C-alpha atoms as a PDB file:
ATOM      1  CA  UNK A   1       8.060  -1.707 -16.732  1.00  0.00           C
ATOM      2  CA  UNK A   2       7.400  -1.527 -12.998  1.00  0.00           C
ATOM      3  CA  UNK A   3       5.593   1.393 -11.326  1.00  0.00           C
ATOM      4  CA  UNK A   4       7.192   2.544  -8.072  1.00  0.00           C
ATOM      5  CA  UNK A   5       5.140   4.635  -5.611  1.00  0.00           C
ATOM      6  CA  UNK A   6       7.056   7.411  -3.835  1.00  0.00           C
ATOM      7  CA  UNK A   7       6.194   9.822  -1.034  1.00  0.00           C
ATOM      8  CA  UNK A   8       8.070  12.950   0.018  1.00  0.00           C
ATOM      9  CA  UNK A   9       7.364  14.296   3.515  1.00  0.00           C
ATOM     10  CA  UNK A  10       8.400  17.930   3.849  1.00  0.00           C
ATOM     11  CA  UNK A  11       9.048  18.327   7.570  1.00  0.00           C
ATOM     12  CA  UNK A  12       8.169  21.567   9.347  1.00  0.00           C
ATOM     13  CA  UNK A  13       8.165  24.041   6.436  1.00  0.00           C
ATOM     14  CA  UNK A  14       7.752  27.743   7.308  1.00  0.00           C
ATOM     15  CA  UNK A  15       4.076  28.753   7.463  1.00  0.00           C
ATOM     16  CA  UNK A  16       2.304  30.620   4.678  1.00  0.00           C
ATOM     17  CA  UNK A  17       4.401  29.375   1.756  1.00  0.00           C
ATOM     18  CA  UNK A  18       3.133  27.341  -1.217  1.00  0.00           C
ATOM     19  CA  UNK A  19       4.971  24.133  -2.091  1.00  0.00           C
ATOM     20  CA  UNK A  20       4.201  21.859  -5.046  1.00  0.00           C
ATOM     21  CA  UNK A  21       5.534  18.925  -7.018  1.00  0.00           C
ATOM     22  CA  UNK A  22       7.027  19.820 -10.402  1.00  0.00           C
ATOM     23  CA  UNK A  23       5.661  17.824 -13.336  1.00  0.00           C
ATOM     24  CA  UNK A  24       7.647  18.245 -16.566  1.00  0.00           C
ATOM     25  CA  UNK A  25      10.797  20.258 -17.129  1.00  0.00           C
ATOM     26  CA  UNK A  26      12.258  23.271 -18.902  1.00  0.00           C
ATOM     27  CA  UNK A  27       9.620  25.862 -19.766  1.00  0.00           C
ATOM     28  CA  UNK A  28       6.865  23.264 -20.161  1.00  0.00           C
ATOM     29  CA  UNK A  29       6.313  22.210 -16.572  1.00  0.00           C
ATOM     30  CA  UNK A  30       3.427  22.632 -14.206  1.00  0.00           C
ATOM     31  CA  UNK A  31       3.263  22.518 -10.442  1.00  0.00           C
ATOM     32  CA  UNK A  32       0.798  20.005  -9.032  1.00  0.00           C
ATOM     33  CA  UNK A  33      -0.306  18.974  -5.530  1.00  0.00           C
ATOM     34  CA  UNK A  34       0.281  22.594  -4.441  1.00  0.00           C
ATOM     35  CA  UNK A  35      -0.141  23.038  -0.697  1.00  0.00           C
ATOM     36  CA  UNK A  36       0.216  26.078   1.541  1.00  0.00           C
ATOM     37  CA  UNK A  37       2.261  25.293   4.627  1.00  0.00           C
ATOM     38  CA  UNK A  38       0.775  25.729   8.083  1.00  0.00           C
ATOM     39  CA  UNK A  39       2.124  24.061  11.192  1.00  0.00           C
ATOM     40  CA  UNK A  40       2.043  20.530   9.758  1.00  0.00           C
ATOM     41  CA  UNK A  41       4.278  18.488   7.499  1.00  0.00           C
ATOM     42  CA  UNK A  42       3.387  18.457   3.794  1.00  0.00           C
ATOM     43  CA  UNK A  43       3.129  15.196   1.853  1.00  0.00           C
ATOM     44  CA  UNK A  44       3.627  14.676  -1.892  1.00  0.00           C
ATOM     45  CA  UNK A  45       2.854  11.280  -3.451  1.00  0.00           C
ATOM     46  CA  UNK A  46       3.607  10.197  -7.018  1.00  0.00           C
ATOM     47  CA  UNK A  47       4.902   7.263  -9.041  1.00  0.00           C
ATOM     48  CA  UNK A  48       7.912   6.704 -11.253  1.00  0.00           C
ATOM     49  CA  UNK A  49       8.563   3.936 -13.775  1.00  0.00           C
ATOM     50  CA  UNK A  50      11.524   1.608 -13.311  1.00  0.00           C
ATOM     51  CA  UNK A  51      13.453   0.474 -16.375  1.00  0.00           C
ATOM     52  CA  UNK A  52      16.211  -2.082 -16.381  1.00  0.00           C
ATOM     53  CA  UNK A  53      17.079  -5.463 -14.971  1.00  0.00           C
ATOM     54  CA  UNK A  54      18.733  -6.011 -11.606  1.00  0.00           C
ATOM     55  CA  UNK A  55      20.719  -8.915 -13.048  1.00  0.00           C
ATOM     56  CA  UNK A  56      22.338  -6.891 -15.841  1.00  0.00           C
ATOM     57  CA  UNK A  57      22.064  -3.182 -14.973  1.00  0.00           C
ATOM     58  CA  UNK A  58      24.101  -1.703 -12.097  1.00  0.00           C
ATOM     59  CA  UNK A  59      21.320   0.753 -11.266  1.00  0.00           C
ATOM     60  CA  UNK A  60      17.668   1.165 -12.231  1.00  0.00           C
ATOM     61  CA  UNK A  61      16.701   3.909 -14.675  1.00  0.00           C
ATOM     62  CA  UNK A  62      13.798   5.956 -13.314  1.00  0.00           C
ATOM     63  CA  UNK A  63      11.350   7.533 -15.745  1.00  0.00           C
ATOM     64  CA  UNK A  64       8.183   9.597 -15.703  1.00  0.00           C
ATOM     65  CA  UNK A  65       6.826  13.142 -15.750  1.00  0.00           C
ATOM     66  CA  UNK A  66       8.285  14.034 -12.327  1.00  0.00           C
ATOM     67  CA  UNK A  67      11.796  12.682 -12.982  1.00  0.00           C
ATOM     68  CA  UNK A  68      14.521  15.229 -13.787  1.00  0.00           C
ATOM     69  CA  UNK A  69      18.205  14.958 -14.643  1.00  0.00           C
ATOM     70  CA  UNK A  70      20.500  12.463 -16.369  1.00  0.00           C
ATOM     71  CA  UNK A  71      20.042   8.692 -15.810  1.00  0.00           C
ATOM     72  CA  UNK A  72      22.966   8.587 -13.358  1.00  0.00           C
ATOM     73  CA  UNK A  73      21.691  11.545 -11.302  1.00  0.00           C
ATOM     74  CA  UNK A  74      17.886  11.528 -11.264  1.00  0.00           C
ATOM     75  CA  UNK A  75      15.916  13.815  -8.938  1.00  0.00           C
ATOM     76  CA  UNK A  76      12.540  15.500  -8.442  1.00  0.00           C
ATOM     77  CA  UNK A  77      11.784  19.163  -7.737  1.00  0.00           C
ATOM     78  CA  UNK A  78       9.468  20.716  -5.202  1.00  0.00           C
ATOM     79  CA  UNK A  79       8.584  24.226  -6.346  1.00  0.00           C
ATOM     80  CA  UNK A  80       8.401  26.907  -3.638  1.00  0.00           C
ATOM     81  CA  UNK A  81       6.641  30.274  -3.409  1.00  0.00           C
ATOM     82  CA  UNK A  82       6.275  32.035  -6.761  1.00  0.00           C
ATOM     83  CA  UNK A  83       7.774  28.968  -8.490  1.00  0.00           C
ATOM     84  CA  UNK A  84       4.726  27.079  -7.130  1.00  0.00           C
ATOM     85  CA  UNK A  85       2.318  29.778  -8.342  1.00  0.00           C
ATOM     86  CA  UNK A  86       2.047  31.850  -5.149  1.00  0.00           C
ATOM     87  CA  UNK A  87       2.118  35.350  -6.655  1.00  0.00           C
ATOM     88  CA  UNK A  88       2.466  37.206  -3.339  1.00  0.00           C
ATOM     89  CA  UNK A  89       5.332  35.096  -1.974  1.00  0.00           C
ATOM     90  CA  UNK A  90       8.721  36.521  -1.053  1.00  0.00           C
ATOM     91  CA  UNK A  91      10.287  33.221  -2.189  1.00  0.00           C
ATOM     92  CA  UNK A  92      10.952  31.785  -5.642  1.00  0.00           C
ATOM     93  CA  UNK A  93      12.825  28.577  -5.063  1.00  0.00           C
ATOM     94  CA  UNK A  94      13.060  24.895  -5.858  1.00  0.00           C
ATOM     95  CA  UNK A  95      14.086  21.997  -3.660  1.00  0.00           C
ATOM     96  CA  UNK A  96      15.990  19.217  -5.437  1.00  0.00           C
ATOM     97  CA  UNK A  97      15.374  15.760  -3.967  1.00  0.00           C
ATOM     98  CA  UNK A  98      17.725  12.994  -5.173  1.00  0.00           C
ATOM     99  CA  UNK A  99      16.184   9.793  -6.523  1.00  0.00           C
ATOM    100  CA  UNK A 100      18.954   7.600  -5.146  1.00  0.00           C
ATOM    101  CA  UNK A 101      16.953   4.402  -5.482  1.00  0.00           C
ATOM    102  CA  UNK A 102      18.760   1.067  -5.764  1.00  0.00           C
ATOM    103  CA  UNK A 103      17.763  -2.423  -6.897  1.00  0.00           C
ATOM    104  CA  UNK A 104      17.766  -3.726  -3.285  1.00  0.00           C
ATOM    105  CA  UNK A 105      15.253  -0.991  -2.325  1.00  0.00           C
ATOM    106  CA  UNK A 106      13.047  -1.913  -5.278  1.00  0.00           C
ATOM    107  CA  UNK A 107      13.244  -5.580  -4.266  1.00  0.00           C
ATOM    108  CA  UNK A 108      12.166  -4.653  -0.705  1.00  0.00           C
ATOM    109  CA  UNK A 109       9.155  -2.784  -2.101  1.00  0.00           C
ATOM    110  CA  UNK A 110       8.071  -5.840  -4.084  1.00  0.00           C
ATOM    111  CA  UNK A 111       7.969  -8.006  -0.920  1.00  0.00           C
ATOM    112  CA  UNK A 112       5.787  -5.681   1.224  1.00  0.00           C
ATOM    113  CA  UNK A 113       2.004  -5.398   1.145  1.00  0.00           C
ATOM    114  CA  UNK A 114       0.922  -1.856   0.077  1.00  0.00           C
ATOM    115  CA  UNK A 115       4.535  -0.588   0.046  1.00  0.00           C
ATOM    116  CA  UNK A 116       6.071   2.637  -1.109  1.00  0.00           C
ATOM    117  CA  UNK A 117       9.359   4.439  -0.776  1.00  0.00           C
ATOM    118  CA  UNK A 118       9.372   7.511   1.440  1.00  0.00           C
ATOM    119  CA  UNK A 119      11.867  10.210   2.248  1.00  0.00           C
ATOM    120  CA  UNK A 120      11.633  12.960   4.831  1.00  0.00           C
ATOM    121  CA  UNK A 121      13.339  16.271   4.151  1.00  0.00           C
ATOM    122  CA  UNK A 122      13.564  19.472   6.177  1.00  0.00           C
ATOM    123  CA  UNK A 123      11.211  22.186   4.959  1.00  0.00           C
ATOM    124  CA  UNK A 124      12.973  25.004   6.804  1.00  0.00           C
ATOM    125  CA  UNK A 125      16.614  25.967   6.388  1.00  0.00           C
ATOM    126  CA  UNK A 126      18.987  27.041   9.164  1.00  0.00           C
ATOM    127  CA  UNK A 127      18.073  30.689   8.427  1.00  0.00           C
ATOM    128  CA  UNK A 128      14.339  30.048   8.959  1.00  0.00           C
ATOM    129  CA  UNK A 129      13.439  30.364   5.263  1.00  0.00           C
ATOM    130  CA  UNK A 130      12.178  27.571   2.978  1.00  0.00           C
ATOM    131  CA  UNK A 131      14.840  24.979   2.260  1.00  0.00           C
ATOM    132  CA  UNK A 132      16.083  25.169  -1.330  1.00  0.00           C
ATOM    133  CA  UNK A 133      18.778  23.713  -3.562  1.00  0.00           C
ATOM    134  CA  UNK A 134      19.829  20.084  -3.291  1.00  0.00           C
ATOM    135  CA  UNK A 135      18.870  18.345  -0.052  1.00  0.00           C
ATOM    136  CA  UNK A 136      22.060  17.918   2.033  1.00  0.00           C
ATOM    137  CA  UNK A 137      22.579  15.770   3.901  1.00  0.00           C
ATOM    138  CA  UNK A 138      20.066  13.450   2.232  1.00  0.00           C
ATOM    139  CA  UNK A 139      18.823  10.612   4.450  1.00  0.00           C
ATOM    140  CA  UNK A 140      17.681   8.572   1.449  1.00  0.00           C
ATOM    141  CA  UNK A 141      14.566   6.512   0.789  1.00  0.00           C
ATOM    142  CA  UNK A 142      12.986   3.892   3.057  1.00  0.00           C
ATOM    143  CA  UNK A 143      10.305   1.276   2.452  1.00  0.00           C
ATOM    144  CA  UNK A 144       7.102   2.169   4.336  1.00  0.00           C
ATOM    145  CA  UNK A 145       3.477   1.046   4.338  1.00  0.00           C
ATOM    146  CA  UNK A 146       1.495   3.052   1.766  1.00  0.00           C
ATOM    147  CA  UNK A 147      -1.279   3.948   4.194  1.00  0.00           C
END
């Protein structure tokens, strides 16, 4: 089973709010890589496992402790405010980032030195508060250098 490195760049989140990557699901999850936003983008890096065969499976099945949802609709969560452990936050939210990763993207990763897939998502909503819910519109994942 192939390991696939991923990186989420949270662009321009509102200052003073904790954001973290959700590991696990249901009531047995923990928030890791917790970061308090300032004036910079926040970066979350992790890996998923890829199951399947490009020759026989229409889409890869992504697995691992950060992967949520059914095989046909995988995603990861970023926890926000109190959901990320910030007890004094006014926010208790999650941001759902689709794992719309295809075989051609995985093939591109395998041909680059030090590659990973990256997505950039807005950290601040139109109302000035932390973005939450499912990312829309979602720009997708791109192959980038891992450094």
